[in-house]
Amino acid sequence: MKKLTVVLVVVLSLCLAVSMAFAADMKGTVKSVDAKAGSVVVTVDGKDHTFKADKAVDLGMVKAGEAVELSVEKDTVKSIKAAAAPAKKKAPVGC
């Protein structure tokens, strides 16, 4: 019985590790949003990618031209949020 438990734990751990390996985080710019169809087109590194949105993702939060960070699993967006603005450099102080 202990062997079966150990085998099940190992198999479940491998499944979890594999599923995490297929998830990807990326940054890009929203090209278009189709909330009715549940899809979004994002430009990443100069290439357009079309993704389906997970039911938990609110596509009403993003607009075309907006910089975003998204988490993608296969061809499905699991989360999307506005990308952080780059920090502004302060002017040097002194002579």
C-alpha atoms as a PDB file:
ATOM      1  CA  MET A   1       0.000   0.000   0.000  1.00  0.00           C
ATOM      2  CA  LYS A   2       2.897   2.365   0.760  1.00  0.00           C
ATOM      3  CA  LYS A   3       4.384   1.745  -2.676  1.00  0.00           C
ATOM      4  CA  LEU A   4       1.119   2.691  -4.339  1.00  0.00           C
ATOM      5  CA  THR A   5       0.951   5.917  -2.335  1.00  0.00           C
ATOM      6  CA  VAL A   6       4.538   6.805  -3.241  1.00  0.00           C
ATOM      7  CA  VAL A   7       3.896   6.091  -6.929  1.00  0.00           C
ATOM      8  CA  LEU A   8       0.757   8.266  -6.900  1.00  0.00           C
ATOM      9  CA  VAL A   9       2.604  11.154  -5.241  1.00  0.00           C
ATOM     10  CA  VAL A  10       5.424  10.932  -7.796  1.00  0.00           C
ATOM     11  CA  VAL A  11       3.007  10.815 -10.736  1.00  0.00           C
ATOM     12  CA  LEU A  12       0.999  13.781  -9.442  1.00  0.00           C
ATOM     13  CA  SER A  13       4.189  15.761  -8.840  1.00  0.00           C
ATOM     14  CA  LEU A  14       5.362  15.109 -12.397  1.00  0.00           C
ATOM     15  CA  CYS A  15       1.990  16.175 -13.798  1.00  0.00           C
ATOM     16  CA  LEU A  16       2.178  19.423 -11.853  1.00  0.00           C
ATOM     17  CA  ALA A  17       5.731  20.117 -13.025  1.00  0.00           C
ATOM     18  CA  VAL A  18       4.831  19.437 -16.657  1.00  0.00           C
ATOM     19  CA  SER A  19       1.754  21.673 -16.546  1.00  0.00           C
ATOM     20  CA  MET A  20       3.823  24.520 -15.094  1.00  0.00           C
ATOM     21  CA  ALA A  21       6.395  24.077 -17.855  1.00  0.00           C
ATOM     22  CA  PHE A  22       3.783  24.832 -20.520  1.00  0.00           C
ATOM     23  CA  ALA A  23       2.774  28.148 -18.929  1.00  0.00           C
ATOM     24  CA  ALA A  24       4.577  31.232 -20.230  1.00  0.00           C
ATOM     25  CA  ASP A  25       4.712  34.822 -19.074  1.00  0.00           C
ATOM     26  CA  MET A  26       5.156  37.440 -21.771  1.00  0.00           C
ATOM     27  CA  LYS A  27       5.034  41.171 -22.319  1.00  0.00           C
ATOM     28  CA  GLY A  28       3.510  42.786 -25.373  1.00  0.00           C
ATOM     29  CA  THR A  29       1.142  45.361 -26.794  1.00  0.00           C
ATOM     30  CA  VAL A  30      -2.551  44.708 -27.354  1.00  0.00           C
ATOM     31  CA  LYS A  31      -3.404  44.993 -31.042  1.00  0.00           C
ATOM     32  CA  SER A  32      -7.117  44.171 -30.756  1.00  0.00           C
ATOM     33  CA  VAL A  33      -9.666  42.758 -28.341  1.00  0.00           C
ATOM     34  CA  ASP A  34     -12.834  40.835 -29.208  1.00  0.00           C
ATOM     35  CA  ALA A  35     -14.697  40.429 -25.920  1.00  0.00           C
ATOM     36  CA  LYS A  36     -17.655  38.646 -27.574  1.00  0.00           C
ATOM     37  CA  ALA A  37     -15.431  35.973 -29.109  1.00  0.00           C
ATOM     38  CA  GLY A  38     -13.204  35.939 -26.029  1.00  0.00           C
ATOM     39  CA  SER A  39      -9.992  36.542 -27.953  1.00  0.00           C
ATOM     40  CA  VAL A  40      -7.151  39.040 -27.919  1.00  0.00           C
ATOM     41  CA  VAL A  41      -4.375  39.777 -30.418  1.00  0.00           C
ATOM     42  CA  VAL A  42      -1.082  40.759 -28.785  1.00  0.00           C
ATOM     43  CA  THR A  43       2.120  41.897 -30.507  1.00  0.00           C
ATOM     44  CA  VAL A  44       5.155  40.302 -28.848  1.00  0.00           C
ATOM     45  CA  ASP A  45       8.635  40.998 -30.224  1.00  0.00           C
ATOM     46  CA  GLY A  46       7.160  42.317 -33.476  1.00  0.00           C
ATOM     47  CA  LYS A  47       4.947  39.268 -34.096  1.00  0.00           C
ATOM     48  CA  ASP A  48       1.164  39.130 -33.682  1.00  0.00           C
ATOM     49  CA  HIS A  49      -0.251  36.306 -31.578  1.00  0.00           C
ATOM     50  CA  THR A  50      -3.961  35.506 -31.217  1.00  0.00           C
ATOM     51  CA  PHE A  51      -5.024  34.001 -27.890  1.00  0.00           C
ATOM     52  CA  LYS A  52      -8.303  32.771 -26.452  1.00  0.00           C
ATOM     53  CA  ALA A  53      -9.106  34.216 -23.041  1.00  0.00           C
ATOM     54  CA  ASP A  54      -9.844  32.008 -20.053  1.00  0.00           C
ATOM     55  CA  LYS A  55     -13.319  32.559 -18.588  1.00  0.00           C
ATOM     56  CA  ALA A  56     -11.738  34.180 -15.515  1.00  0.00           C
ATOM     57  CA  VAL A  57     -10.002  36.855 -17.643  1.00  0.00           C
ATOM     58  CA  ASP A  58     -11.842  40.180 -18.032  1.00  0.00           C
ATOM     59  CA  LEU A  59     -11.017  41.471 -21.523  1.00  0.00           C
ATOM     60  CA  GLY A  60     -12.872  44.698 -20.774  1.00  0.00           C
ATOM     61  CA  MET A  61      -9.841  45.785 -18.721  1.00  0.00           C
ATOM     62  CA  VAL A  62      -7.517  46.070 -21.740  1.00  0.00           C
ATOM     63  CA  LYS A  63      -7.590  48.292 -24.818  1.00  0.00           C
ATOM     64  CA  ALA A  64      -5.785  48.319 -28.141  1.00  0.00           C
ATOM     65  CA  GLY A  65      -2.362  49.953 -27.890  1.00  0.00           C
ATOM     66  CA  GLU A  66      -1.934  49.154 -24.195  1.00  0.00           C
ATOM     67  CA  ALA A  67       1.253  47.471 -22.938  1.00  0.00           C
ATOM     68  CA  VAL A  68       0.388  44.313 -21.020  1.00  0.00           C
ATOM     69  CA  GLU A  69       1.885  41.380 -19.169  1.00  0.00           C
ATOM     70  CA  LEU A  70       0.098  38.106 -19.724  1.00  0.00           C
ATOM     71  CA  SER A  71       0.332  34.535 -18.573  1.00  0.00           C
ATOM     72  CA  VAL A  72      -0.372  32.055 -21.357  1.00  0.00           C
ATOM     73  CA  GLU A  73      -0.904  28.314 -21.209  1.00  0.00           C
ATOM     74  CA  LYS A  74      -0.901  26.717 -24.690  1.00  0.00           C
ATOM     75  CA  ASP A  75      -3.017  29.248 -26.622  1.00  0.00           C
ATOM     76  CA  THR A  76      -5.149  30.422 -23.679  1.00  0.00           C
ATOM     77  CA  VAL A  77      -4.569  33.609 -21.665  1.00  0.00           C
ATOM     78  CA  LYS A  78      -4.823  32.753 -17.970  1.00  0.00           C
ATOM     79  CA  SER A  79      -4.194  36.310 -16.698  1.00  0.00           C
ATOM     80  CA  ILE A  80      -3.596  39.726 -18.199  1.00  0.00           C
ATOM     81  CA  LYS A  81      -2.635  43.025 -16.567  1.00  0.00           C
ATOM     82  CA  ALA A  82      -1.253  46.403 -17.541  1.00  0.00           C
ATOM     83  CA  ALA A  83       2.536  46.390 -17.780  1.00  0.00           C
ATOM     84  CA  ALA A  84       4.426  48.473 -15.254  1.00  0.00           C
ATOM     85  CA  ALA A  85       5.645  51.776 -16.663  1.00  0.00           C
ATOM     86  CA  PRO A  86       9.429  52.083 -16.892  1.00  0.00           C
ATOM     87  CA  ALA A  87      10.981  54.036 -14.058  1.00  0.00           C
ATOM     88  CA  LYS A  88      12.002  57.585 -14.910  1.00  0.00           C
ATOM     89  CA  LYS A  89      15.609  58.519 -14.350  1.00  0.00           C
ATOM     90  CA  LYS A  90      16.246  61.390 -11.997  1.00  0.00           C
ATOM     91  CA  ALA A  91      18.440  64.235 -13.120  1.00  0.00           C
ATOM     92  CA  PRO A  92      21.817  64.337 -11.381  1.00  0.00           C
ATOM     93  CA  VAL A  93      22.041  66.736  -8.475  1.00  0.00           C
ATOM     94  CA  GLY A  94      25.016  68.997  -8.000  1.00  0.00           C
ATOM     95  CA  CYS A  95      27.442  70.957 -10.111  1.00  0.00           C
END
